[in-house]
Amino acid sequence: FRRLDVGFALPKGSDLAPALRQAVDRLISDGTYQRILRRWGVE
């Protein structure tokens, strides 16, 4: 019906957000992210 981005929810203005975003990007770049999605069939 409609697509939505899904994310970690954080308190507004959280100082953790930049670190968490870069961590997800690293998982994408090193292939770990793709392994996770493949494990659960949601590539």
PDB file of all heavy atoms in Angstrom:
ATOM      1  N   PHE A   1       0.830  -1.203   0.000  1.00  0.00           N
ATOM      2  CA  PHE A   1       0.000   0.000   0.000  1.00  0.00           C
ATOM      3  C   PHE A   1       0.870   1.261   0.000  1.00  0.00           C
ATOM      4  O   PHE A   1       0.646   2.192  -0.761  1.00  0.00           O
ATOM      5  CB  PHE A   1      -0.922  -0.004   1.217  1.00  0.00           C
ATOM      6  CG  PHE A   1      -1.852   1.171   1.286  1.00  0.00           C
ATOM      7  CD1 PHE A   1      -2.908   1.285   0.393  1.00  0.00           C
ATOM      8  CD2 PHE A   1      -1.676   2.174   2.230  1.00  0.00           C
ATOM      9  CE1 PHE A   1      -3.773   2.377   0.439  1.00  0.00           C
ATOM     10  CE2 PHE A   1      -2.531   3.261   2.297  1.00  0.00           C
ATOM     11  CZ  PHE A   1      -3.581   3.363   1.391  1.00  0.00           C
ATOM     12  N   ARG A   2       1.887   1.286   0.879  1.00  0.00           N
ATOM     13  CA  ARG A   2       2.781   2.441   0.946  1.00  0.00           C
ATOM     14  C   ARG A   2       4.105   2.034   1.550  1.00  0.00           C
ATOM     15  O   ARG A   2       4.146   1.290   2.526  1.00  0.00           O
ATOM     16  CB  ARG A   2       2.153   3.556   1.792  1.00  0.00           C
ATOM     17  CG  ARG A   2       2.989   4.822   1.882  1.00  0.00           C
ATOM     18  CD  ARG A   2       2.188   5.979   2.442  1.00  0.00           C
ATOM     19  NE  ARG A   2       1.934   5.855   3.857  1.00  0.00           N
ATOM     20  CZ  ARG A   2       2.356   6.754   4.772  1.00  0.00           C
ATOM     21  NH1 ARG A   2       3.054   7.804   4.401  1.00  0.00           N
ATOM     22  NH2 ARG A   2       2.054   6.600   6.037  1.00  0.00           N
ATOM     23  N   ARG A   3       5.192   2.520   0.982  1.00  0.00           N
ATOM     24  CA  ARG A   3       6.525   2.264   1.506  1.00  0.00           C
ATOM     25  C   ARG A   3       6.891   3.318   2.550  1.00  0.00           C
ATOM     26  O   ARG A   3       6.512   4.483   2.443  1.00  0.00           O
ATOM     27  CB  ARG A   3       7.559   2.275   0.381  1.00  0.00           C
ATOM     28  CG  ARG A   3       7.611   0.972  -0.415  1.00  0.00           C
ATOM     29  CD  ARG A   3       8.477  -0.050   0.285  1.00  0.00           C
ATOM     30  NE  ARG A   3       8.430  -1.368  -0.342  1.00  0.00           N
ATOM     31  CZ  ARG A   3       9.168  -2.396   0.092  1.00  0.00           C
ATOM     32  NH1 ARG A   3       9.978  -2.248   1.127  1.00  0.00           N
ATOM     33  NH2 ARG A   3       9.081  -3.560  -0.493  1.00  0.00           N
ATOM     34  N   LEU A   4       7.653   2.892   3.566  1.00  0.00           N
ATOM     35  CA  LEU A   4       8.153   3.799   4.596  1.00  0.00           C
ATOM     36  C   LEU A   4       9.575   3.396   4.963  1.00  0.00           C
ATOM     37  O   LEU A   4       9.899   2.199   5.028  1.00  0.00           O
ATOM     38  CB  LEU A   4       7.298   3.737   5.860  1.00  0.00           C
ATOM     39  CG  LEU A   4       5.959   4.461   5.876  1.00  0.00           C
ATOM     40  CD1 LEU A   4       5.200   4.125   7.151  1.00  0.00           C
ATOM     41  CD2 LEU A   4       6.164   5.969   5.781  1.00  0.00           C
ATOM     42  N   ASP A   5      10.425   4.394   5.203  1.00  0.00           N
ATOM     43  CA  ASP A   5      11.722   4.095   5.801  1.00  0.00           C
ATOM     44  C   ASP A   5      11.493   3.714   7.255  1.00  0.00           C
ATOM     45  O   ASP A   5      10.601   4.238   7.927  1.00  0.00           O
ATOM     46  CB  ASP A   5      12.642   5.314   5.717  1.00  0.00           C
ATOM     47  CG  ASP A   5      13.095   5.599   4.299  1.00  0.00           C
ATOM     48  OD1 ASP A   5      13.477   4.642   3.596  1.00  0.00           O
ATOM     49  OD2 ASP A   5      13.087   6.776   3.887  1.00  0.00           O
ATOM     50  N   VAL A   6      12.324   2.801   7.733  1.00  0.00           N
ATOM     51  CA  VAL A   6      12.240   2.322   9.111  1.00  0.00           C
ATOM     52  C   VAL A   6      13.565   2.628   9.795  1.00  0.00           C
ATOM     53  O   VAL A   6      14.636   2.454   9.198  1.00  0.00           O
ATOM     54  CB  VAL A   6      11.943   0.816   9.143  1.00  0.00           C
ATOM     55  CG1 VAL A   6      12.111   0.243  10.551  1.00  0.00           C
ATOM     56  CG2 VAL A   6      10.538   0.538   8.619  1.00  0.00           C
ATOM     57  N   GLY A   7      13.505   3.067  11.043  1.00  0.00           N
ATOM     58  CA  GLY A   7      14.751   3.431  11.701  1.00  0.00           C
ATOM     59  C   GLY A   7      14.766   3.164  13.191  1.00  0.00           C
ATOM     60  O   GLY A   7      13.739   2.868  13.814  1.00  0.00           O
ATOM     61  N   PHE A   8      15.979   3.273  13.748  1.00  0.00           N
ATOM     62  CA  PHE A   8      16.104   3.329  15.197  1.00  0.00           C
ATOM     63  C   PHE A   8      15.424   4.603  15.667  1.00  0.00           C
ATOM     64  O   PHE A   8      15.628   5.670  15.094  1.00  0.00           O
ATOM     65  CB  PHE A   8      17.579   3.387  15.607  1.00  0.00           C
ATOM     66  CG  PHE A   8      18.362   2.154  15.292  1.00  0.00           C
ATOM     67  CD1 PHE A   8      19.226   2.121  14.214  1.00  0.00           C
ATOM     68  CD2 PHE A   8      18.238   1.027  16.086  1.00  0.00           C
ATOM     69  CE1 PHE A   8      19.958   0.986  13.920  1.00  0.00           C
ATOM     70  CE2 PHE A   8      18.963  -0.121  15.804  1.00  0.00           C
ATOM     71  CZ  PHE A   8      19.833  -0.146  14.712  1.00  0.00           C
ATOM     72  N   ALA A   9      14.627   4.501  16.694  1.00  0.00           N
ATOM     73  CA  ALA A   9      13.997   5.676  17.291  1.00  0.00           C
ATOM     74  C   ALA A   9      14.880   6.168  18.433  1.00  0.00           C
ATOM     75  O   ALA A   9      15.346   5.374  19.261  1.00  0.00           O
ATOM     76  CB  ALA A   9      12.613   5.324  17.807  1.00  0.00           C
ATOM     77  N   LEU A  10      15.114   7.490  18.466  1.00  0.00           N
ATOM     78  CA  LEU A  10      15.982   8.098  19.466  1.00  0.00           C
ATOM     79  C   LEU A  10      15.289   9.317  20.067  1.00  0.00           C
ATOM     80  O   LEU A  10      14.450   9.943  19.407  1.00  0.00           O
ATOM     81  CB  LEU A  10      17.303   8.547  18.836  1.00  0.00           C
ATOM     82  CG  LEU A  10      18.110   7.511  18.054  1.00  0.00           C
ATOM     83  CD1 LEU A  10      19.208   8.192  17.266  1.00  0.00           C
ATOM     84  CD2 LEU A  10      18.709   6.488  19.003  1.00  0.00           C
ATOM     85  N   PRO A  11      15.649   9.688  21.289  1.00  0.00           N
ATOM     86  CA  PRO A  11      15.105  10.935  21.831  1.00  0.00           C
ATOM     87  C   PRO A  11      15.467  12.102  20.905  1.00  0.00           C
ATOM     88  O   PRO A  11      16.541  12.110  20.287  1.00  0.00           O
ATOM     89  CB  PRO A  11      15.806  11.064  23.186  1.00  0.00           C
ATOM     90  CG  PRO A  11      16.213   9.669  23.545  1.00  0.00           C
ATOM     91  CD  PRO A  11      16.534   9.000  22.244  1.00  0.00           C
ATOM     92  N   LYS A  12      14.608  13.076  20.800  1.00  0.00           N
ATOM     93  CA  LYS A  12      14.855  14.215  19.919  1.00  0.00           C
ATOM     94  C   LYS A  12      16.156  14.916  20.308  1.00  0.00           C
ATOM     95  O   LYS A  12      16.381  15.233  21.475  1.00  0.00           O
ATOM     96  CB  LYS A  12      13.689  15.206  20.000  1.00  0.00           C
ATOM     97  CG  LYS A  12      13.662  16.204  18.851  1.00  0.00           C
ATOM     98  CD  LYS A  12      13.348  15.507  17.536  1.00  0.00           C
ATOM     99  CE  LYS A  12      13.356  16.458  16.363  1.00  0.00           C
ATOM    100  NZ  LYS A  12      13.168  15.742  15.090  1.00  0.00           N
ATOM    101  N   GLY A  13      17.012  15.136  19.293  1.00  0.00           N
ATOM    102  CA  GLY A  13      18.286  15.797  19.532  1.00  0.00           C
ATOM    103  C   GLY A  13      19.349  14.895  20.127  1.00  0.00           C
ATOM    104  O   GLY A  13      20.377  15.376  20.608  1.00  0.00           O
ATOM    105  N   SER A  14      19.153  13.581  20.081  1.00  0.00           N
ATOM    106  CA  SER A  14      20.098  12.643  20.686  1.00  0.00           C
ATOM    107  C   SER A  14      21.499  12.787  20.099  1.00  0.00           C
ATOM    108  O   SER A  14      21.680  12.816  18.875  1.00  0.00           O
ATOM    109  CB  SER A  14      19.616  11.201  20.484  1.00  0.00           C
ATOM    110  OG  SER A  14      20.604  10.279  20.897  1.00  0.00           O
ATOM    111  N   ASP A  15      22.497  12.847  20.989  1.00  0.00           N
ATOM    112  CA  ASP A  15      23.890  12.920  20.541  1.00  0.00           C
ATOM    113  C   ASP A  15      24.419  11.562  20.097  1.00  0.00           C
ATOM    114  O   ASP A  15      25.566  11.450  19.643  1.00  0.00           O
ATOM    115  CB  ASP A  15      24.783  13.515  21.632  1.00  0.00           C
ATOM    116  CG  ASP A  15      24.641  12.805  22.980  1.00  0.00           C
ATOM    117  OD1 ASP A  15      23.853  11.835  23.075  1.00  0.00           O
ATOM    118  OD2 ASP A  15      25.306  13.234  23.942  1.00  0.00           O
ATOM    119  N   LEU A  16      23.602  10.535  20.202  1.00  0.00           N
ATOM    120  CA  LEU A  16      23.990   9.206  19.723  1.00  0.00           C
ATOM    121  C   LEU A  16      23.729   9.037  18.230  1.00  0.00           C
ATOM    122  O   LEU A  16      24.328   8.177  17.586  1.00  0.00           O
ATOM    123  CB  LEU A  16      23.213   8.133  20.508  1.00  0.00           C
ATOM    124  CG  LEU A  16      23.371   6.680  20.088  1.00  0.00           C
ATOM    125  CD1 LEU A  16      24.819   6.215  20.220  1.00  0.00           C
ATOM    126  CD2 LEU A  16      22.445   5.779  20.923  1.00  0.00           C
ATOM    127  N   ALA A  17      22.852   9.858  17.658  1.00  0.00           N
ATOM    128  CA  ALA A  17      22.418   9.671  16.273  1.00  0.00           C
ATOM    129  C   ALA A  17      23.570   9.633  15.268  1.00  0.00           C
ATOM    130  O   ALA A  17      23.611   8.732  14.408  1.00  0.00           O
ATOM    131  CB  ALA A  17      21.407  10.758  15.888  1.00  0.00           C
ATOM    132  N   PRO A  18      24.547  10.540  15.293  1.00  0.00           N
ATOM    133  CA  PRO A  18      25.627  10.490  14.296  1.00  0.00           C
ATOM    134  C   PRO A  18      26.430   9.191  14.351  1.00  0.00           C
ATOM    135  O   PRO A  18      26.772   8.619  13.312  1.00  0.00           O
ATOM    136  CB  PRO A  18      26.495  11.704  14.664  1.00  0.00           C
ATOM    137  CG  PRO A  18      25.571  12.636  15.365  1.00  0.00           C
ATOM    138  CD  PRO A  18      24.658  11.750  16.152  1.00  0.00           C
ATOM    139  N   ALA A  19      26.726   8.715  15.561  1.00  0.00           N
ATOM    140  CA  ALA A  19      27.487   7.472  15.697  1.00  0.00           C
ATOM    141  C   ALA A  19      26.686   6.286  15.171  1.00  0.00           C
ATOM    142  O   ALA A  19      27.224   5.413  14.457  1.00  0.00           O
ATOM    143  CB  ALA A  19      27.853   7.247  17.162  1.00  0.00           C
ATOM    144  N   LEU A  20      25.414   6.246  15.504  1.00  0.00           N
ATOM    145  CA  LEU A  20      24.582   5.127  15.075  1.00  0.00           C
ATOM    146  C   LEU A  20      24.410   5.125  13.561  1.00  0.00           C
ATOM    147  O   LEU A  20      24.451   4.063  12.920  1.00  0.00           O
ATOM    148  CB  LEU A  20      23.228   5.222  15.777  1.00  0.00           C
ATOM    149  CG  LEU A  20      22.343   3.978  15.764  1.00  0.00           C
ATOM    150  CD1 LEU A  20      23.087   2.770  16.308  1.00  0.00           C
ATOM    151  CD2 LEU A  20      21.085   4.236  16.591  1.00  0.00           C
ATOM    152  N   ARG A  21      24.246   6.303  12.969  1.00  0.00           N
ATOM    153  CA  ARG A  21      24.101   6.374  11.511  1.00  0.00           C
ATOM    154  C   ARG A  21      25.377   5.882  10.822  1.00  0.00           C
ATOM    155  O   ARG A  21      25.311   5.114   9.854  1.00  0.00           O
ATOM    156  CB  ARG A  21      23.796   7.807  11.078  1.00  0.00           C
ATOM    157  CG  ARG A  21      23.515   7.935   9.584  1.00  0.00           C
ATOM    158  CD  ARG A  21      23.283   9.366   9.178  1.00  0.00           C
ATOM    159  NE  ARG A  21      24.458  10.191   9.423  1.00  0.00           N
ATOM    160  CZ  ARG A  21      25.535  10.204   8.624  1.00  0.00           C
ATOM    161  NH1 ARG A  21      25.591   9.428   7.555  1.00  0.00           N
ATOM    162  NH2 ARG A  21      26.555  10.981   8.908  1.00  0.00           N
ATOM    163  N   GLN A  22      26.525   6.300  11.310  1.00  0.00           N
ATOM    164  CA  GLN A  22      27.772   5.849  10.690  1.00  0.00           C
ATOM    165  C   GLN A  22      28.001   4.358  10.902  1.00  0.00           C
ATOM    166  O   GLN A  22      28.588   3.682  10.047  1.00  0.00           O
ATOM    167  CB  GLN A  22      28.943   6.662  11.224  1.00  0.00           C
ATOM    168  CG  GLN A  22      28.937   8.103  10.741  1.00  0.00           C
ATOM    169  CD  GLN A  22      30.287   8.781  10.853  1.00  0.00           C
ATOM    170  OE1 GLN A  22      31.322   8.173  10.600  1.00  0.00           O
ATOM    171  NE2 GLN A  22      30.282  10.048  11.246  1.00  0.00           N
ATOM    172  N   ALA A  23      27.531   3.832  12.023  1.00  0.00           N
ATOM    173  CA  ALA A  23      27.655   2.394  12.258  1.00  0.00           C
ATOM    174  C   ALA A  23      26.823   1.606  11.250  1.00  0.00           C
ATOM    175  O   ALA A  23      27.278   0.588  10.703  1.00  0.00           O
ATOM    176  CB  ALA A  23      27.223   2.057  13.683  1.00  0.00           C
ATOM    177  N   VAL A  24      25.602   2.063  10.978  1.00  0.00           N
ATOM    178  CA  VAL A  24      24.769   1.386   9.972  1.00  0.00           C
ATOM    179  C   VAL A  24      25.439   1.470   8.601  1.00  0.00           C
ATOM    180  O   VAL A  24      25.484   0.478   7.858  1.00  0.00           O
ATOM    181  CB  VAL A  24      23.357   1.995   9.930  1.00  0.00           C
ATOM    182  CG1 VAL A  24      22.542   1.369   8.788  1.00  0.00           C
ATOM    183  CG2 VAL A  24      22.635   1.784  11.260  1.00  0.00           C
ATOM    184  N   ASP A  25      25.987   2.629   8.262  1.00  0.00           N
ATOM    185  CA  ASP A  25      26.682   2.768   6.981  1.00  0.00           C
ATOM    186  C   ASP A  25      27.860   1.806   6.885  1.00  0.00           C
ATOM    187  O   ASP A  25      28.129   1.237   5.819  1.00  0.00           O
ATOM    188  CB  ASP A  25      27.159   4.206   6.784  1.00  0.00           C
ATOM    189  CG  ASP A  25      26.059   5.135   6.306  1.00  0.00           C
ATOM    190  OD1 ASP A  25      24.997   4.634   5.879  1.00  0.00           O
ATOM    191  OD2 ASP A  25      26.258   6.364   6.352  1.00  0.00           O
ATOM    192  N   ARG A  26      28.581   1.620   7.985  1.00  0.00           N
ATOM    193  CA  ARG A  26      29.712   0.681   7.961  1.00  0.00           C
ATOM    194  C   ARG A  26      29.218  -0.753   7.749  1.00  0.00           C
ATOM    195  O   ARG A  26      29.834  -1.522   6.996  1.00  0.00           O
ATOM    196  CB  ARG A  26      30.496   0.789   9.266  1.00  0.00           C
ATOM    197  CG  ARG A  26      31.679  -0.194   9.357  1.00  0.00           C
ATOM    198  CD  ARG A  26      32.734   0.080   8.290  1.00  0.00           C
ATOM    199  NE  ARG A  26      33.215   1.432   8.414  1.00  0.00           N
ATOM    200  CZ  ARG A  26      34.161   1.821   9.262  1.00  0.00           C
ATOM    201  NH1 ARG A  26      34.728   0.933  10.078  1.00  0.00           N
ATOM    202  NH2 ARG A  26      34.561   3.076   9.292  1.00  0.00           N
ATOM    203  N   LEU A  27      28.113  -1.106   8.390  1.00  0.00           N
ATOM    204  CA  LEU A  27      27.559  -2.450   8.189  1.00  0.00           C
ATOM    205  C   LEU A  27      27.156  -2.657   6.732  1.00  0.00           C
ATOM    206  O   LEU A  27      27.306  -3.759   6.191  1.00  0.00           O
ATOM    207  CB  LEU A  27      26.335  -2.652   9.098  1.00  0.00           C
ATOM    208  CG  LEU A  27      26.588  -2.652  10.602  1.00  0.00           C
ATOM    209  CD1 LEU A  27      25.274  -2.717  11.360  1.00  0.00           C
ATOM    210  CD2 LEU A  27      27.506  -3.803  11.010  1.00  0.00           C
ATOM    211  N   ILE A  28      26.651  -1.592   6.098  1.00  0.00           N
ATOM    212  CA  ILE A  28      26.284  -1.679   4.681  1.00  0.00           C
ATOM    213  C   ILE A  28      27.528  -1.856   3.825  1.00  0.00           C
ATOM    214  O   ILE A  28      27.574  -2.716   2.932  1.00  0.00           O
ATOM    215  CB  ILE A  28      25.493  -0.423   4.256  1.00  0.00           C
ATOM    216  CG1 ILE A  28      24.126  -0.397   4.939  1.00  0.00           C
ATOM    217  CG2 ILE A  28      25.310  -0.386   2.734  1.00  0.00           C
ATOM    218  CD1 ILE A  28      23.362   0.907   4.736  1.00  0.00           C
ATOM    219  N   SER A  29      28.551  -1.082   4.090  1.00  0.00           N
ATOM    220  CA  SER A  29      29.749  -1.100   3.241  1.00  0.00           C
ATOM    221  C   SER A  29      30.570  -2.370   3.394  1.00  0.00           C
ATOM    222  O   SER A  29      31.216  -2.816   2.441  1.00  0.00           O
ATOM    223  CB  SER A  29      30.629   0.124   3.524  1.00  0.00           C
ATOM    224  OG  SER A  29      31.149   0.084   4.846  1.00  0.00           O
ATOM    225  N   ASP A  30      30.534  -2.985   4.592  1.00  0.00           N
ATOM    226  CA  ASP A  30      31.365  -4.184   4.771  1.00  0.00           C
ATOM    227  C   ASP A  30      30.617  -5.489   4.504  1.00  0.00           C
ATOM    228  O   ASP A  30      31.180  -6.577   4.629  1.00  0.00           O
ATOM    229  CB  ASP A  30      32.010  -4.202   6.162  1.00  0.00           C
ATOM    230  CG  ASP A  30      31.030  -4.456   7.310  1.00  0.00           C
ATOM    231  OD1 ASP A  30      29.899  -4.901   7.068  1.00  0.00           O
ATOM    232  OD2 ASP A  30      31.426  -4.207   8.475  1.00  0.00           O
ATOM    233  N   GLY A  31      29.343  -5.405   4.133  1.00  0.00           N
ATOM    234  CA  GLY A  31      28.585  -6.595   3.757  1.00  0.00           C
ATOM    235  C   GLY A  31      27.805  -7.254   4.878  1.00  0.00           C
ATOM    236  O   GLY A  31      26.985  -8.155   4.620  1.00  0.00           O
ATOM    237  N   THR A  32      28.028  -6.825   6.122  1.00  0.00           N
ATOM    238  CA  THR A  32      27.299  -7.415   7.245  1.00  0.00           C
ATOM    239  C   THR A  32      25.794  -7.173   7.114  1.00  0.00           C
ATOM    240  O   THR A  32      24.973  -8.066   7.387  1.00  0.00           O
ATOM    241  CB  THR A  32      27.796  -6.824   8.575  1.00  0.00           C
ATOM    242  OG1 THR A  32      29.202  -7.050   8.689  1.00  0.00           O
ATOM    243  CG2 THR A  32      27.080  -7.469   9.755  1.00  0.00           C
ATOM    244  N   TYR A  33      25.449  -5.984   6.699  1.00  0.00           N
ATOM    245  CA  TYR A  33      24.038  -5.608   6.523  1.00  0.00           C
ATOM    246  C   TYR A  33      23.342  -6.539   5.536  1.00  0.00           C
ATOM    247  O   TYR A  33      22.233  -7.037   5.794  1.00  0.00           O
ATOM    248  CB  TYR A  33      23.988  -4.160   6.042  1.00  0.00           C
ATOM    249  CG  TYR A  33      22.624  -3.611   5.709  1.00  0.00           C
ATOM    250  CD1 TYR A  33      21.733  -3.237   6.715  1.00  0.00           C
ATOM    251  CD2 TYR A  33      22.235  -3.418   4.382  1.00  0.00           C
ATOM    252  CE1 TYR A  33      20.500  -2.688   6.405  1.00  0.00           C
ATOM    253  CE2 TYR A  33      21.007  -2.871   4.069  1.00  0.00           C
ATOM    254  CZ  TYR A  33      20.137  -2.513   5.080  1.00  0.00           C
ATOM    255  OH  TYR A  33      18.914  -1.975   4.762  1.00  0.00           O
ATOM    256  N   GLN A  34      24.006  -6.803   4.414  1.00  0.00           N
ATOM    257  CA  GLN A  34      23.409  -7.678   3.402  1.00  0.00           C
ATOM    258  C   GLN A  34      23.240  -9.101   3.944  1.00  0.00           C
ATOM    259  O   GLN A  34      22.252  -9.778   3.629  1.00  0.00           O
ATOM    260  CB  GLN A  34      24.276  -7.676   2.140  1.00  0.00           C
ATOM    261  CG  GLN A  34      24.237  -6.386   1.345  1.00  0.00           C
ATOM    262  CD  GLN A  34      25.072  -5.256   1.985  1.00  0.00           C
ATOM    263  OE1 GLN A  34      25.869  -5.507   2.889  1.00  0.00           O
ATOM    264  NE2 GLN A  34      24.894  -4.047   1.495  1.00  0.00           N
ATOM    265  N   ARG A  35      24.176  -9.552   4.768  1.00  0.00           N
ATOM    266  CA  ARG A  35      24.055 -10.880   5.376  1.00  0.00           C
ATOM    267  C   ARG A  35      22.842 -10.942   6.298  1.00  0.00           C
ATOM    268  O   ARG A  35      22.127 -11.956   6.341  1.00  0.00           O
ATOM    269  CB  ARG A  35      25.315 -11.220   6.164  1.00  0.00           C
ATOM    270  CG  ARG A  35      26.541 -11.538   5.318  1.00  0.00           C
ATOM    271  CD  ARG A  35      27.735 -11.824   6.204  1.00  0.00           C
ATOM    272  NE  ARG A  35      27.447 -12.907   7.146  1.00  0.00           N
ATOM    273  CZ  ARG A  35      27.926 -12.964   8.390  1.00  0.00           C
ATOM    274  NH1 ARG A  35      28.678 -11.982   8.851  1.00  0.00           N
ATOM    275  NH2 ARG A  35      27.642 -13.987   9.150  1.00  0.00           N
ATOM    276  N   ILE A  36      22.607  -9.871   7.036  1.00  0.00           N
ATOM    277  CA  ILE A  36      21.461  -9.836   7.950  1.00  0.00           C
ATOM    278  C   ILE A  36      20.160  -9.906   7.158  1.00  0.00           C
ATOM    279  O   ILE A  36      19.254 -10.690   7.481  1.00  0.00           O
ATOM    280  CB  ILE A  36      21.507  -8.570   8.816  1.00  0.00           C
ATOM    281  CG1 ILE A  36      22.679  -8.637   9.790  1.00  0.00           C
ATOM    282  CG2 ILE A  36      20.187  -8.392   9.582  1.00  0.00           C
ATOM    283  CD1 ILE A  36      22.931  -7.351  10.557  1.00  0.00           C
ATOM    284  N   LEU A  37      20.049  -9.079   6.129  1.00  0.00           N
ATOM    285  CA  LEU A  37      18.810  -9.072   5.348  1.00  0.00           C
ATOM    286  C   LEU A  37      18.600 -10.407   4.637  1.00  0.00           C
ATOM    287  O   LEU A  37      17.469 -10.902   4.542  1.00  0.00           O
ATOM    288  CB  LEU A  37      18.838  -7.924   4.332  1.00  0.00           C
ATOM    289  CG  LEU A  37      18.206  -6.606   4.818  1.00  0.00           C
ATOM    290  CD1 LEU A  37      18.880  -6.094   6.082  1.00  0.00           C
ATOM    291  CD2 LEU A  37      18.261  -5.547   3.731  1.00  0.00           C
ATOM    292  N   ARG A  38      19.685 -11.005   4.171  1.00  0.00           N
ATOM    293  CA  ARG A  38      19.570 -12.303   3.503  1.00  0.00           C
ATOM    294  C   ARG A  38      19.137 -13.380   4.498  1.00  0.00           C
ATOM    295  O   ARG A  38      18.356 -14.277   4.163  1.00  0.00           O
ATOM    296  CB  ARG A  38      20.911 -12.664   2.855  1.00  0.00           C
ATOM    297  CG  ARG A  38      20.860 -13.941   2.020  1.00  0.00           C
ATOM    298  CD  ARG A  38      22.078 -14.061   1.117  1.00  0.00           C
ATOM    299  NE  ARG A  38      23.337 -13.981   1.841  1.00  0.00           N
ATOM    300  CZ  ARG A  38      24.191 -12.947   1.778  1.00  0.00           C
ATOM    301  NH1 ARG A  38      23.917 -11.887   1.036  1.00  0.00           N
ATOM    302  NH2 ARG A  38      25.314 -12.966   2.456  1.00  0.00           N
ATOM    303  N   ARG A  39      19.632 -13.294   5.707  1.00  0.00           N
ATOM    304  CA  ARG A  39      19.265 -14.263   6.743  1.00  0.00           C
ATOM    305  C   ARG A  39      17.755 -14.304   6.954  1.00  0.00           C
ATOM    306  O   ARG A  39      17.166 -15.359   7.165  1.00  0.00           O
ATOM    307  CB  ARG A  39      19.964 -13.904   8.055  1.00  0.00           C
ATOM    308  CG  ARG A  39      19.613 -14.818   9.218  1.00  0.00           C
ATOM    309  CD  ARG A  39      20.207 -14.311  10.517  1.00  0.00           C
ATOM    310  NE  ARG A  39      20.011 -15.282  11.582  1.00  0.00           N
ATOM    311  CZ  ARG A  39      20.272 -15.062  12.870  1.00  0.00           C
ATOM    312  NH1 ARG A  39      20.750 -13.897  13.243  1.00  0.00           N
ATOM    313  NH2 ARG A  39      20.059 -16.002  13.776  1.00  0.00           N
ATOM    314  N   TRP A  40      17.109 -13.130   6.870  1.00  0.00           N
ATOM    315  CA  TRP A  40      15.681 -13.047   7.151  1.00  0.00           C
ATOM    316  C   TRP A  40      14.835 -12.888   5.894  1.00  0.00           C
ATOM    317  O   TRP A  40      13.619 -12.682   5.979  1.00  0.00           O
ATOM    318  CB  TRP A  40      15.413 -11.898   8.125  1.00  0.00           C
ATOM    319  CG  TRP A  40      16.162 -12.098   9.406  1.00  0.00           C
ATOM    320  CD1 TRP A  40      17.232 -11.384   9.865  1.00  0.00           C
ATOM    321  CD2 TRP A  40      15.932 -13.121  10.370  1.00  0.00           C
ATOM    322  NE1 TRP A  40      17.677 -11.890  11.061  1.00  0.00           N
ATOM    323  CE2 TRP A  40      16.892 -12.958  11.394  1.00  0.00           C
ATOM    324  CE3 TRP A  40      15.005 -14.164  10.481  1.00  0.00           C
ATOM    325  CZ2 TRP A  40      16.951 -13.807  12.509  1.00  0.00           C
ATOM    326  CZ3 TRP A  40      15.068 -14.999  11.578  1.00  0.00           C
ATOM    327  CH2 TRP A  40      16.033 -14.813  12.575  1.00  0.00           C
ATOM    328  N   GLY A  41      15.464 -13.011   4.721  1.00  0.00           N
ATOM    329  CA  GLY A  41      14.703 -13.013   3.476  1.00  0.00           C
ATOM    330  C   GLY A  41      14.078 -11.691   3.101  1.00  0.00           C
ATOM    331  O   GLY A  41      13.019 -11.660   2.468  1.00  0.00           O
ATOM    332  N   VAL A  42      14.744 -10.572   3.452  1.00  0.00           N
ATOM    333  CA  VAL A  42      14.162  -9.254   3.176  1.00  0.00           C
ATOM    334  C   VAL A  42      15.120  -8.382   2.355  1.00  0.00           C
ATOM    335  O   VAL A  42      15.130  -7.155   2.487  1.00  0.00           O
ATOM    336  CB  VAL A  42      13.764  -8.531   4.492  1.00  0.00           C
ATOM    337  CG1 VAL A  42      12.636  -9.274   5.174  1.00  0.00           C
ATOM    338  CG2 VAL A  42      14.963  -8.376   5.419  1.00  0.00           C
ATOM    339  N   GLU A  43      15.907  -9.013   1.483  1.00  0.00           N
ATOM    340  CA  GLU A  43      16.872  -8.254   0.677  1.00  0.00           C
ATOM    341  C   GLU A  43      16.257  -7.107  -0.118  1.00  0.00           C
ATOM    342  O   GLU A  43      16.908  -6.056  -0.277  1.00  0.00           O
ATOM    343  CB  GLU A  43      17.626  -9.187  -0.275  1.00  0.00           C
ATOM    344  CG  GLU A  43      18.467 -10.262   0.386  1.00  0.00           C
ATOM    345  CD  GLU A  43      17.747 -11.608   0.449  1.00  0.00           C
ATOM    346  OE1 GLU A  43      16.514 -11.598   0.713  1.00  0.00           O
ATOM    347  OE2 GLU A  43      18.402 -12.629   0.232  1.00  0.00           O
TER     348      GLU A  43
END
